[in-house]
PDB file of N, CA and C in Angstrom:
ATOM      1  N   MET A   1     -39.280   0.195 -17.578  1.00  0.00           N
ATOM      2  CA  MET A   1     -38.282   0.828 -16.730  1.00  0.00           C
ATOM      3  C   MET A   1     -38.016  -0.019 -15.484  1.00  0.00           C
ATOM      4  N   LYS A   2     -39.075  -0.616 -14.931  1.00  0.00           N
ATOM      5  CA  LYS A   2     -38.901  -1.445 -13.745  1.00  0.00           C
ATOM      6  C   LYS A   2     -38.066  -2.676 -14.045  1.00  0.00           C
ATOM      7  N   THR A   3     -38.234  -3.239 -15.212  1.00  0.00           N
ATOM      8  CA  THR A   3     -37.484  -4.450 -15.542  1.00  0.00           C
ATOM      9  C   THR A   3     -35.998  -4.139 -15.724  1.00  0.00           C
ATOM     10  N   ILE A   4     -35.683  -2.970 -16.245  1.00  0.00           N
ATOM     11  CA  ILE A   4     -34.277  -2.591 -16.407  1.00  0.00           C
ATOM     12  C   ILE A   4     -33.621  -2.418 -15.051  1.00  0.00           C
ATOM     13  N   ILE A   5     -34.301  -1.733 -14.147  1.00  0.00           N
ATOM     14  CA  ILE A   5     -33.763  -1.526 -12.804  1.00  0.00           C
ATOM     15  C   ILE A   5     -33.626  -2.861 -12.083  1.00  0.00           C
ATOM     16  N   ARG A   6     -34.590  -3.724 -12.248  1.00  0.00           N
ATOM     17  CA  ARG A   6     -34.545  -5.039 -11.603  1.00  0.00           C
ATOM     18  C   ARG A   6     -33.377  -5.864 -12.141  1.00  0.00           C
ATOM     19  N   LYS A   7     -33.156  -5.823 -13.445  1.00  0.00           N
ATOM     20  CA  LYS A   7     -32.041  -6.571 -14.037  1.00  0.00           C
ATOM     21  C   LYS A   7     -30.701  -6.025 -13.546  1.00  0.00           C
ATOM     22  N   ILE A   8     -30.598  -4.718 -13.451  1.00  0.00           N
ATOM     23  CA  ILE A   8     -29.348  -4.116 -12.975  1.00  0.00           C
ATOM     24  C   ILE A   8     -29.092  -4.510 -11.526  1.00  0.00           C
ATOM     25  N   LEU A   9     -30.104  -4.422 -10.692  1.00  0.00           N
ATOM     26  CA  LEU A   9     -29.930  -4.775  -9.282  1.00  0.00           C
ATOM     27  C   LEU A   9     -29.593  -6.252  -9.116  1.00  0.00           C
ATOM     28  N   LEU A  10     -30.263  -7.121  -9.854  1.00  0.00           N
ATOM     29  CA  LEU A  10     -29.986  -8.553  -9.745  1.00  0.00           C
ATOM     30  C   LEU A  10     -28.602  -8.911 -10.275  1.00  0.00           C
ATOM     31  N   SER A  11     -28.137  -8.188 -11.260  1.00  0.00           N
ATOM     32  CA  SER A  11     -26.796  -8.473 -11.769  1.00  0.00           C
ATOM     33  C   SER A  11     -25.715  -7.908 -10.855  1.00  0.00           C
ATOM     34  N   MET A  12     -26.024  -6.879 -10.084  1.00  0.00           N
ATOM     35  CA  MET A  12     -25.037  -6.281  -9.193  1.00  0.00           C
ATOM     36  C   MET A  12     -24.934  -7.004  -7.853  1.00  0.00           C
ATOM     37  N   LEU A  13     -25.939  -7.734  -7.442  1.00  0.00           N
ATOM     38  CA  LEU A  13     -25.908  -8.427  -6.161  1.00  0.00           C
ATOM     39  C   LEU A  13     -24.735  -9.392  -6.036  1.00  0.00           C
ATOM     40  N   PRO A  14     -24.482 -10.277  -6.992  1.00  0.00           N
ATOM     41  CA  PRO A  14     -23.317 -11.176  -6.847  1.00  0.00           C
ATOM     42  C   PRO A  14     -21.993 -10.414  -6.805  1.00  0.00           C
ATOM     43  N   VAL A  15     -21.892  -9.350  -7.570  1.00  0.00           N
ATOM     44  CA  VAL A  15     -20.654  -8.562  -7.580  1.00  0.00           C
ATOM     45  C   VAL A  15     -20.435  -7.925  -6.214  1.00  0.00           C
ATOM     46  N   LEU A  16     -21.471  -7.317  -5.657  1.00  0.00           N
ATOM     47  CA  LEU A  16     -21.346  -6.693  -4.336  1.00  0.00           C
ATOM     48  C   LEU A  16     -21.040  -7.720  -3.260  1.00  0.00           C
ATOM     49  N   PHE A  17     -21.655  -8.881  -3.348  1.00  0.00           N
ATOM     50  CA  PHE A  17     -21.392  -9.937  -2.368  1.00  0.00           C
ATOM     51  C   PHE A  17     -19.941 -10.399  -2.455  1.00  0.00           C
ATOM     52  N   PHE A  18     -19.430 -10.547  -3.672  1.00  0.00           N
ATOM     53  CA  PHE A  18     -18.043 -10.986  -3.836  1.00  0.00           C
ATOM     54  C   PHE A  18     -17.073  -9.966  -3.257  1.00  0.00           C
ATOM     55  N   PHE A  19     -17.287  -8.686  -3.528  1.00  0.00           N
ATOM     56  CA  PHE A  19     -16.361  -7.671  -3.048  1.00  0.00           C
ATOM     57  C   PHE A  19     -16.402  -7.515  -1.537  1.00  0.00           C
ATOM     58  N   THR A  20     -17.552  -7.655  -0.921  1.00  0.00           N
ATOM     59  CA  THR A  20     -17.607  -7.511   0.531  1.00  0.00           C
ATOM     60  C   THR A  20     -16.937  -8.689   1.220  1.00  0.00           C
ATOM     61  N   THR A  21     -16.996  -9.878   0.638  1.00  0.00           N
ATOM     62  CA  THR A  21     -16.318 -11.011   1.260  1.00  0.00           C
ATOM     63  C   THR A  21     -14.832 -11.010   0.927  1.00  0.00           C
ATOM     64  N   ALA A  22     -14.436 -10.456  -0.205  1.00  0.00           N
ATOM     65  CA  ALA A  22     -13.034 -10.432  -0.589  1.00  0.00           C
ATOM     66  C   ALA A  22     -12.248  -9.416   0.230  1.00  0.00           C
ATOM     67  N   VAL A  23     -12.893  -8.398   0.759  1.00  0.00           N
ATOM     68  CA  VAL A  23     -12.212  -7.350   1.510  1.00  0.00           C
ATOM     69  C   VAL A  23     -11.948  -7.786   2.950  1.00  0.00           C
ATOM     70  N   ALA A  24     -12.679  -8.759   3.439  1.00  0.00           N
ATOM     71  CA  ALA A  24     -12.544  -9.190   4.826  1.00  0.00           C
ATOM     72  C   ALA A  24     -11.162  -9.767   5.079  1.00  0.00           C
ATOM     73  N   GLN A  25     -10.605  -9.484   6.251  1.00  0.00           N
ATOM     74  CA  GLN A  25      -9.293  -9.981   6.625  1.00  0.00           C
ATOM     75  C   GLN A  25      -9.429 -10.922   7.815  1.00  0.00           C
ATOM     76  N   PRO A  26      -8.591 -11.938   7.863  1.00  0.00           N
ATOM     77  CA  PRO A  26      -8.652 -12.830   9.021  1.00  0.00           C
ATOM     78  C   PRO A  26      -8.078 -12.131  10.251  1.00  0.00           C
ATOM     79  N   PRO A  27      -8.457 -12.564  11.434  1.00  0.00           N
ATOM     80  CA  PRO A  27      -7.912 -11.938  12.645  1.00  0.00           C
ATOM     81  C   PRO A  27      -6.423 -12.244  12.767  1.00  0.00           C
ATOM     82  N   PRO A  28      -5.676 -11.387  13.453  1.00  0.00           N
ATOM     83  CA  PRO A  28      -4.238 -11.629  13.601  1.00  0.00           C
ATOM     84  C   PRO A  28      -3.993 -12.881  14.450  1.00  0.00           C
ATOM     85  N   PRO A  29      -2.902 -13.590  14.184  1.00  0.00           N
ATOM     86  CA  PRO A  29      -2.631 -14.811  14.951  1.00  0.00           C
ATOM     87  C   PRO A  29      -2.251 -14.492  16.396  1.00  0.00           C
ATOM     88  N   ASP A  30      -2.610 -15.386  17.287  1.00  0.00           N
ATOM     89  CA  ASP A  30      -2.286 -15.226  18.701  1.00  0.00           C
ATOM     90  C   ASP A  30      -1.134 -16.164  19.025  1.00  0.00           C
ATOM     91  N   HIS A  31       0.012 -15.598  19.375  1.00  0.00           N
ATOM     92  CA  HIS A  31       1.190 -16.404  19.671  1.00  0.00           C
ATOM     93  C   HIS A  31       1.393 -16.583  21.169  1.00  0.00           C
ATOM     94  N   GLY A  32       0.389 -16.305  21.938  1.00  0.00           N
ATOM     95  CA  GLY A  32       0.501 -16.482  23.371  1.00  0.00           C
ATOM     96  C   GLY A  32       1.160 -15.328  24.088  1.00  0.00           C
ATOM     97  N   GLU A  33       1.425 -14.248  23.402  1.00  0.00           N
ATOM     98  CA  GLU A  33       2.040 -13.088  24.037  1.00  0.00           C
ATOM     99  C   GLU A  33       0.951 -12.111  24.457  1.00  0.00           C
ATOM    100  N   ASP A  34       1.095 -11.584  25.666  1.00  0.00           N
ATOM    101  CA  ASP A  34       0.086 -10.662  26.175  1.00  0.00           C
ATOM    102  C   ASP A  34       0.402  -9.204  25.848  1.00  0.00           C
ATOM    103  N   ASP A  35       1.688  -8.874  25.707  1.00  0.00           N
ATOM    104  CA  ASP A  35       2.043  -7.469  25.484  1.00  0.00           C
ATOM    105  C   ASP A  35       2.225  -7.212  23.991  1.00  0.00           C
ATOM    106  N   ASP A  36       1.863  -6.013  23.571  1.00  0.00           N
ATOM    107  CA  ASP A  36       2.018  -5.620  22.172  1.00  0.00           C
ATOM    108  C   ASP A  36       3.428  -5.081  21.956  1.00  0.00           C
ATOM    109  N   GLN A  37       4.105  -5.628  20.967  1.00  0.00           N
ATOM    110  CA  GLN A  37       5.447  -5.181  20.650  1.00  0.00           C
ATOM    111  C   GLN A  37       5.420  -4.444  19.321  1.00  0.00           C
ATOM    112  N   PRO A  38       6.145  -3.328  19.220  1.00  0.00           N
ATOM    113  CA  PRO A  38       6.156  -2.591  17.957  1.00  0.00           C
ATOM    114  C   PRO A  38       6.920  -3.358  16.877  1.00  0.00           C
ATOM    115  N   ALA A  39       6.593  -3.081  15.643  1.00  0.00           N
ATOM    116  CA  ALA A  39       7.253  -3.738  14.517  1.00  0.00           C
ATOM    117  C   ALA A  39       8.647  -3.147  14.321  1.00  0.00           C
ATOM    118  N   PRO A  40       9.641  -3.959  13.978  1.00  0.00           N
ATOM    119  CA  PRO A  40      10.984  -3.425  13.738  1.00  0.00           C
ATOM    120  C   PRO A  40      11.031  -2.676  12.412  1.00  0.00           C
ATOM    121  N   ILE A  41      11.460  -1.418  12.455  1.00  0.00           N
ATOM    122  CA  ILE A  41      11.530  -0.620  11.229  1.00  0.00           C
ATOM    123  C   ILE A  41      12.936  -0.099  10.974  1.00  0.00           C
ATOM    124  N   GLY A  42      13.904  -0.540  11.739  1.00  0.00           N
ATOM    125  CA  GLY A  42      15.249   0.005  11.664  1.00  0.00           C
ATOM    126  C   GLY A  42      15.931  -0.205  10.329  1.00  0.00           C
ATOM    127  N   SER A  43      16.044  -1.440   9.852  1.00  0.00           N
ATOM    128  CA  SER A  43      16.831  -1.695   8.650  1.00  0.00           C
ATOM    129  C   SER A  43      16.137  -1.151   7.407  1.00  0.00           C
ATOM    130  N   GLY A  44      14.840  -1.285   7.315  1.00  0.00           N
ATOM    131  CA  GLY A  44      14.122  -0.765   6.153  1.00  0.00           C
ATOM    132  C   GLY A  44      14.184   0.747   6.075  1.00  0.00           C
ATOM    133  N   LEU A  45      14.054   1.395   7.201  1.00  0.00           N
ATOM    134  CA  LEU A  45      14.118   2.854   7.238  1.00  0.00           C
ATOM    135  C   LEU A  45      15.517   3.335   6.869  1.00  0.00           C
ATOM    136  N   GLY A  46      16.540   2.645   7.333  1.00  0.00           N
ATOM    137  CA  GLY A  46      17.909   3.015   6.992  1.00  0.00           C
ATOM    138  C   GLY A  46      18.182   2.880   5.501  1.00  0.00           C
ATOM    139  N   LEU A  47      17.674   1.806   4.905  1.00  0.00           N
ATOM    140  CA  LEU A  47      17.859   1.617   3.463  1.00  0.00           C
ATOM    141  C   LEU A  47      17.165   2.716   2.673  1.00  0.00           C
ATOM    142  N   LEU A  48      15.962   3.076   3.076  1.00  0.00           N
ATOM    143  CA  LEU A  48      15.250   4.139   2.376  1.00  0.00           C
ATOM    144  C   LEU A  48      15.976   5.470   2.487  1.00  0.00           C
ATOM    145  N   LEU A  49      16.493   5.775   3.653  1.00  0.00           N
ATOM    146  CA  LEU A  49      17.245   7.016   3.831  1.00  0.00           C
ATOM    147  C   LEU A  49      18.532   7.010   3.005  1.00  0.00           C
ATOM    148  N   LEU A  50      19.213   5.882   2.961  1.00  0.00           N
ATOM    149  CA  LEU A  50      20.436   5.768   2.181  1.00  0.00           C
ATOM    150  C   LEU A  50      20.158   5.947   0.691  1.00  0.00           C
ATOM    151  N   MET A  51      19.127   5.289   0.190  1.00  0.00           N
ATOM    152  CA  MET A  51      18.797   5.415  -1.233  1.00  0.00           C
ATOM    153  C   MET A  51      18.329   6.830  -1.572  1.00  0.00           C
ATOM    154  N   GLY A  52      17.578   7.466  -0.680  1.00  0.00           N
ATOM    155  CA  GLY A  52      17.145   8.839  -0.906  1.00  0.00           C
ATOM    156  C   GLY A  52      18.320   9.800  -0.919  1.00  0.00           C
ATOM    157  N   GLY A  53      19.283   9.585  -0.034  1.00  0.00           N
ATOM    158  CA  GLY A  53      20.469  10.425  -0.021  1.00  0.00           C
ATOM    159  C   GLY A  53      21.306  10.256  -1.277  1.00  0.00           C
ATOM    160  N   ALA A  54      21.447   9.021  -1.743  1.00  0.00           N
ATOM    161  CA  ALA A  54      22.204   8.767  -2.969  1.00  0.00           C
ATOM    162  C   ALA A  54      21.515   9.397  -4.171  1.00  0.00           C
ATOM    163  N   TYR A  55      20.201   9.307  -4.224  1.00  0.00           N
ATOM    164  CA  TYR A  55      19.442   9.910  -5.325  1.00  0.00           C
ATOM    165  C   TYR A  55      19.591  11.432  -5.313  1.00  0.00           C
ATOM    166  N   GLY A  56      19.508  12.037  -4.138  1.00  0.00           N
ATOM    167  CA  GLY A  56      19.680  13.483  -4.017  1.00  0.00           C
ATOM    168  C   GLY A  56      21.086  13.924  -4.387  1.00  0.00           C
ATOM    169  N   ALA A  57      22.101  13.138  -3.985  1.00  0.00           N
ATOM    170  CA  ALA A  57      23.481  13.476  -4.326  1.00  0.00           C
ATOM    171  C   ALA A  57      23.698  13.407  -5.835  1.00  0.00           C
ATOM    172  N   LYS A  58      23.105  12.429  -6.486  1.00  0.00           N
ATOM    173  CA  LYS A  58      23.232  12.330  -7.939  1.00  0.00           C
ATOM    174  C   LYS A  58      22.565  13.515  -8.623  1.00  0.00           C
ATOM    175  N   LYS A  59      21.408  13.939  -8.128  1.00  0.00           N
ATOM    176  CA  LYS A  59      20.727  15.101  -8.703  1.00  0.00           C
ATOM    177  C   LYS A  59      21.583  16.362  -8.551  1.00  0.00           C
ATOM    178  N   VAL A  60      22.200  16.550  -7.400  1.00  0.00           N
ATOM    179  CA  VAL A  60      23.058  17.712  -7.179  1.00  0.00           C
ATOM    180  C   VAL A  60      24.277  17.638  -8.088  1.00  0.00           C
ATOM    181  N   TYR A  61      24.882  16.457  -8.209  1.00  0.00           N
ATOM    182  CA  TYR A  61      26.045  16.281  -9.080  1.00  0.00           C
ATOM    183  C   TYR A  61      25.689  16.595 -10.534  1.00  0.00           C
ATOM    184  N   ASP A  62      24.560  16.100 -11.016  1.00  0.00           N
ATOM    185  CA  ASP A  62      24.136  16.374 -12.400  1.00  0.00           C
ATOM    186  C   ASP A  62      23.841  17.857 -12.611  1.00  0.00           C
ATOM    187  N   ALA A  63      23.240  18.509 -11.620  1.00  0.00           N
ATOM    188  CA  ALA A  63      22.922  19.931 -11.753  1.00  0.00           C
ATOM    189  C   ALA A  63      24.200  20.767 -11.814  1.00  0.00           C
ATOM    190  N   ARG A  64      25.194  20.448 -10.979  1.00  0.00           N
ATOM    191  CA  ARG A  64      26.456  21.190 -11.000  1.00  0.00           C
ATOM    192  C   ARG A  64      27.208  20.940 -12.300  1.00  0.00           C
ATOM    193  N   LYS A  65      27.116  19.712 -12.793  1.00  0.00           N
ATOM    194  CA  LYS A  65      27.780  19.371 -14.048  1.00  0.00           C
ATOM    195  C   LYS A  65      27.175  20.153 -15.214  1.00  0.00           C
ATOM    196  N   ARG A  66      25.864  20.330 -15.214  1.00  0.00           N
ATOM    197  CA  ARG A  66      25.193  21.112 -16.264  1.00  0.00           C
ATOM    198  C   ARG A  66      25.571  22.585 -16.197  1.00  0.00           C
ATOM    199  N   LEU A  67      25.708  23.118 -14.994  1.00  0.00           N
ATOM    200  CA  LEU A  67      26.060  24.536 -14.829  1.00  0.00           C
ATOM    201  C   LEU A  67      27.497  24.807 -15.251  1.00  0.00           C
ATOM    202  N   ALA A  68      28.377  23.815 -15.097  1.00  0.00           N
ATOM    203  CA  ALA A  68      29.778  24.003 -15.451  1.00  0.00           C
ATOM    204  C   ALA A  68      29.988  24.023 -16.964  1.00  0.00           C
ATOM    205  N   GLN A  69      29.102  23.481 -17.716  1.00  0.00           N
ATOM    206  CA  GLN A  69      29.264  23.423 -19.180  1.00  0.00           C
ATOM    207  C   GLN A  69      28.903  24.697 -19.848  1.00  0.00           C
TER     208      GLN A  69
END
């Protein structure tokens, strides 16, 4: 029983080491700016809202079309 546990632990050590080093992220780059500026989300948010509205309008159009038949 001890040898099985030892083999399992020894085989898992490289896997655990790889995953802990793979998850690490490098620090953010320093561009010489002292103040934190928020990320621009205007155009992406507008596109998502536009696509969501178009999808909803199509669903309403299809539902009304089904009721009319």
